[in-house]
C-alpha atoms as a PDB file:
ATOM      1  CA  MET A   1       0.000   0.000   0.000  1.00  0.00           C
ATOM      2  CA  SER A   2       1.443   3.370  -0.951  1.00  0.00           C
ATOM      3  CA  SER A   3       1.441   6.332   1.430  1.00  0.00           C
ATOM      4  CA  SER A   4      -0.976   8.256  -0.833  1.00  0.00           C
ATOM      5  CA  GLN A   5      -3.691   5.574  -0.544  1.00  0.00           C
ATOM      6  CA  SER A   6      -5.951   5.390   2.444  1.00  0.00           C
ATOM      7  CA  PRO A   7      -6.367   1.970   4.090  1.00  0.00           C
ATOM      8  CA  SER A   8     -10.002   1.736   2.998  1.00  0.00           C
ATOM      9  CA  SER A   9      -9.220   2.408  -0.699  1.00  0.00           C
ATOM     10  CA  ALA A  10      -6.498  -0.240  -0.627  1.00  0.00           C
ATOM     11  CA  LEU A  11      -9.000  -2.709   0.848  1.00  0.00           C
ATOM     12  CA  ASP A  12     -11.585  -1.819  -1.781  1.00  0.00           C
ATOM     13  CA  ALA A  13      -9.086  -2.292  -4.596  1.00  0.00           C
ATOM     14  CA  SER A  14      -7.945  -5.663  -3.267  1.00  0.00           C
ATOM     15  CA  ALA A  15     -11.523  -6.875  -2.925  1.00  0.00           C
ATOM     16  CA  SER A  16     -12.537  -6.112  -6.510  1.00  0.00           C
ATOM     17  CA  PRO A  17     -13.183  -9.157  -8.684  1.00  0.00           C
ATOM     18  CA  THR A  18     -10.701  -8.105 -11.372  1.00  0.00           C
ATOM     19  CA  SER A  19      -7.848  -7.828  -8.892  1.00  0.00           C
ATOM     20  CA  LEU A  20      -8.487 -11.418  -7.827  1.00  0.00           C
ATOM     21  CA  GLY A  21      -8.066 -12.677 -11.374  1.00  0.00           C
ATOM     22  CA  THR A  22     -11.768 -13.069 -12.135  1.00  0.00           C
ATOM     23  CA  THR A  23     -13.869 -11.126 -14.565  1.00  0.00           C
ATOM     24  CA  THR A  24     -17.201  -9.525 -13.874  1.00  0.00           C
ATOM     25  CA  LEU A  25     -18.933 -12.230 -15.913  1.00  0.00           C
ATOM     26  CA  GLU A  26     -17.328 -14.958 -13.811  1.00  0.00           C
ATOM     27  CA  THR A  27     -18.455 -13.186 -10.656  1.00  0.00           C
ATOM     28  CA  ILE A  28     -22.025 -12.905 -11.942  1.00  0.00           C
ATOM     29  CA  MET A  29     -22.024 -16.583 -12.967  1.00  0.00           C
ATOM     30  CA  ALA A  30     -20.717 -17.590  -9.539  1.00  0.00           C
ATOM     31  CA  LEU A  31     -23.487 -15.623  -7.844  1.00  0.00           C
ATOM     32  CA  SER A  32     -26.281 -17.121  -9.942  1.00  0.00           C
ATOM     33  CA  LEU A  33     -28.253 -20.027  -8.556  1.00  0.00           C
ATOM     34  CA  PHE A  34     -27.113 -23.549  -9.370  1.00  0.00           C
ATOM     35  CA  GLY A  35     -30.279 -24.427 -11.297  1.00  0.00           C
ATOM     36  CA  GLU A  36     -30.045 -21.286 -13.427  1.00  0.00           C
ATOM     37  CA  ARG A  37     -27.051 -22.260 -15.545  1.00  0.00           C
ATOM     38  CA  SER A  38     -27.333 -20.858 -19.008  1.00  0.00           C
ATOM     39  CA  LEU A  39     -26.927 -22.994 -22.113  1.00  0.00           C
ATOM     40  CA  ALA A  40     -23.787 -21.058 -22.986  1.00  0.00           C
ATOM     41  CA  ALA A  41     -22.236 -22.049 -19.674  1.00  0.00           C
ATOM     42  CA  ALA A  42     -23.146 -25.691 -20.213  1.00  0.00           C
ATOM     43  CA  SER A  43     -21.681 -25.906 -23.721  1.00  0.00           C
ATOM     44  CA  PRO A  44     -17.977 -26.588 -24.188  1.00  0.00           C
ATOM     45  CA  ALA A  45     -15.837 -23.520 -24.695  1.00  0.00           C
ATOM     46  CA  ASN A  46     -13.730 -25.270 -27.296  1.00  0.00           C
ATOM     47  CA  PRO A  47     -15.558 -26.386 -30.458  1.00  0.00           C
ATOM     48  CA  LEU A  48     -12.992 -29.153 -30.923  1.00  0.00           C
ATOM     49  CA  THR A  49     -14.184 -30.672 -27.657  1.00  0.00           C
ATOM     50  CA  ALA A  50     -17.722 -30.879 -29.036  1.00  0.00           C
ATOM     51  CA  VAL A  51     -16.455 -32.454 -32.272  1.00  0.00           C
ATOM     52  CA  ALA A  52     -14.375 -34.991 -30.327  1.00  0.00           C
ATOM     53  CA  ARG A  53     -17.412 -35.892 -28.191  1.00  0.00           C
ATOM     54  CA  TRP A  54     -19.533 -36.350 -31.332  1.00  0.00           C
ATOM     55  CA  ILE A  55     -16.862 -38.618 -32.873  1.00  0.00           C
ATOM     56  CA  ARG A  56     -16.692 -40.755 -29.707  1.00  0.00           C
ATOM     57  CA  LYS A  57     -20.493 -41.144 -29.700  1.00  0.00           C
ATOM     58  CA  ALA A  58     -20.498 -42.088 -33.388  1.00  0.00           C
ATOM     59  CA  GLN A  59     -17.755 -44.675 -32.824  1.00  0.00           C
ATOM     60  CA  ALA A  60     -19.639 -46.167 -29.860  1.00  0.00           C
ATOM     61  CA  ALA A  61     -22.834 -46.395 -31.930  1.00  0.00           C
ATOM     62  CA  ARG A  62     -20.972 -48.087 -34.798  1.00  0.00           C
ATOM     63  CA  THR A  63     -19.381 -50.592 -32.393  1.00  0.00           C
ATOM     64  CA  ARG A  64     -22.793 -51.319 -30.849  1.00  0.00           C
ATOM     65  CA  ARG A  65     -24.372 -51.898 -34.281  1.00  0.00           C
ATOM     66  CA  ALA A  66     -21.526 -54.224 -35.284  1.00  0.00           C
ATOM     67  CA  ALA A  67     -21.885 -56.251 -32.072  1.00  0.00           C
ATOM     68  CA  LEU A  68     -25.649 -56.582 -32.480  1.00  0.00           C
ATOM     69  CA  SER A  69     -25.222 -57.553 -36.140  1.00  0.00           C
ATOM     70  CA  ALA A  70     -22.721 -60.222 -35.099  1.00  0.00           C
ATOM     71  CA  LEU A  71     -25.275 -61.566 -32.609  1.00  0.00           C
ATOM     72  CA  LEU A  72     -27.846 -61.818 -35.404  1.00  0.00           C
ATOM     73  CA  GLU A  73     -25.441 -64.037 -37.349  1.00  0.00           C
ATOM     74  CA  LEU A  74     -25.405 -66.621 -34.563  1.00  0.00           C
ATOM     75  CA  ASP A  75     -27.758 -69.592 -34.747  1.00  0.00           C
ATOM     76  CA  ALA A  76     -30.702 -69.966 -32.361  1.00  0.00           C
ATOM     77  CA  ASP A  77     -28.920 -72.575 -30.204  1.00  0.00           C
ATOM     78  CA  ARG A  78     -25.914 -70.324 -29.626  1.00  0.00           C
ATOM     79  CA  LEU A  79     -28.194 -67.380 -28.800  1.00  0.00           C
ATOM     80  CA  GLY A  80     -30.057 -69.663 -26.401  1.00  0.00           C
ATOM     81  CA  ASP A  81     -26.759 -70.528 -24.703  1.00  0.00           C
ATOM     82  CA  LEU A  82     -26.261 -66.777 -24.184  1.00  0.00           C
ATOM     83  CA  GLY A  83     -29.762 -66.525 -22.720  1.00  0.00           C
ATOM     84  CA  ILE A  84     -31.207 -64.348 -25.477  1.00  0.00           C
ATOM     85  CA  SER A  85     -33.338 -64.868 -28.560  1.00  0.00           C
ATOM     86  CA  ARG A  86     -33.213 -63.390 -32.043  1.00  0.00           C
ATOM     87  CA  GLN A  87     -36.234 -61.222 -31.145  1.00  0.00           C
ATOM     88  CA  ASP A  88     -34.297 -59.781 -28.196  1.00  0.00           C
ATOM     89  CA  VAL A  89     -31.435 -58.792 -30.500  1.00  0.00           C
ATOM     90  CA  VAL A  90     -33.813 -57.223 -33.031  1.00  0.00           C
ATOM     91  CA  ALA A  91     -35.526 -55.266 -30.233  1.00  0.00           C
ATOM     92  CA  ALA A  92     -32.108 -54.077 -29.042  1.00  0.00           C
ATOM     93  CA  MET A  93     -31.278 -52.882 -32.560  1.00  0.00           C
ATOM     94  CA  VAL A  94     -34.507 -50.881 -32.698  1.00  0.00           C
ATOM     95  CA  ALA A  95     -33.663 -49.077 -29.433  1.00  0.00           C
ATOM     96  CA  PRO A  96     -29.850 -48.866 -29.525  1.00  0.00           C
ATOM     97  CA  ALA A  97     -29.572 -46.522 -26.550  1.00  0.00           C
ATOM     98  CA  HIS A  98     -31.020 -49.242 -24.313  1.00  0.00           C
ATOM     99  CA  ALA A  99     -29.545 -52.284 -26.070  1.00  0.00           C
ATOM    100  CA  GLY A 100     -27.399 -53.449 -23.164  1.00  0.00           C
ATOM    101  CA  ARG A 101     -30.183 -53.096 -20.635  1.00  0.00           C
ATOM    102  CA  MET A 102     -32.647 -54.926 -22.905  1.00  0.00           C
ATOM    103  CA  LEU A 103     -30.294 -57.860 -23.495  1.00  0.00           C
ATOM    104  CA  ASN A 104     -29.414 -58.117 -19.804  1.00  0.00           C
ATOM    105  CA  THR A 105     -33.110 -58.190 -18.937  1.00  0.00           C
ATOM    106  CA  ALA A 106     -33.674 -60.930 -21.494  1.00  0.00           C
ATOM    107  CA  ARG A 107     -30.776 -62.955 -20.061  1.00  0.00           C
ATOM    108  CA  ALA A 108     -32.132 -62.577 -16.530  1.00  0.00           C
ATOM    109  CA  ARG A 109     -35.609 -63.607 -17.692  1.00  0.00           C
ATOM    110  CA  SER A 110     -34.126 -66.651 -19.440  1.00  0.00           C
ATOM    111  CA  ALA A 111     -32.096 -67.617 -16.353  1.00  0.00           C
ATOM    112  CA  ARG A 112     -35.213 -67.638 -14.147  1.00  0.00           C
ATOM    113  CA  SER A 113     -37.141 -69.988 -16.431  1.00  0.00           C
END
């Protein structure tokens, strides 16, 4: 603190958001309620991150389709050994987001009977 500054002005300057390394926007965002996050705050800042996420999702979907297609190539006896039927695999292909859950349910149902 310099001799020309009063103690209260030095305190005010040190308490400002910009002197702490934050911007006014960051301060406003920090003061907003948790449930009031804007869409801009929820989206990735780097567009490459969004592209990389899209590529990972596309690769996972392609892998899932290939695995389900491979299951369809198996004969009924082999599918029965796995605890699933051809209809279960077709149903999983129709709803790919829930494919794993659907096949696990079918296996559990088959194990009980």
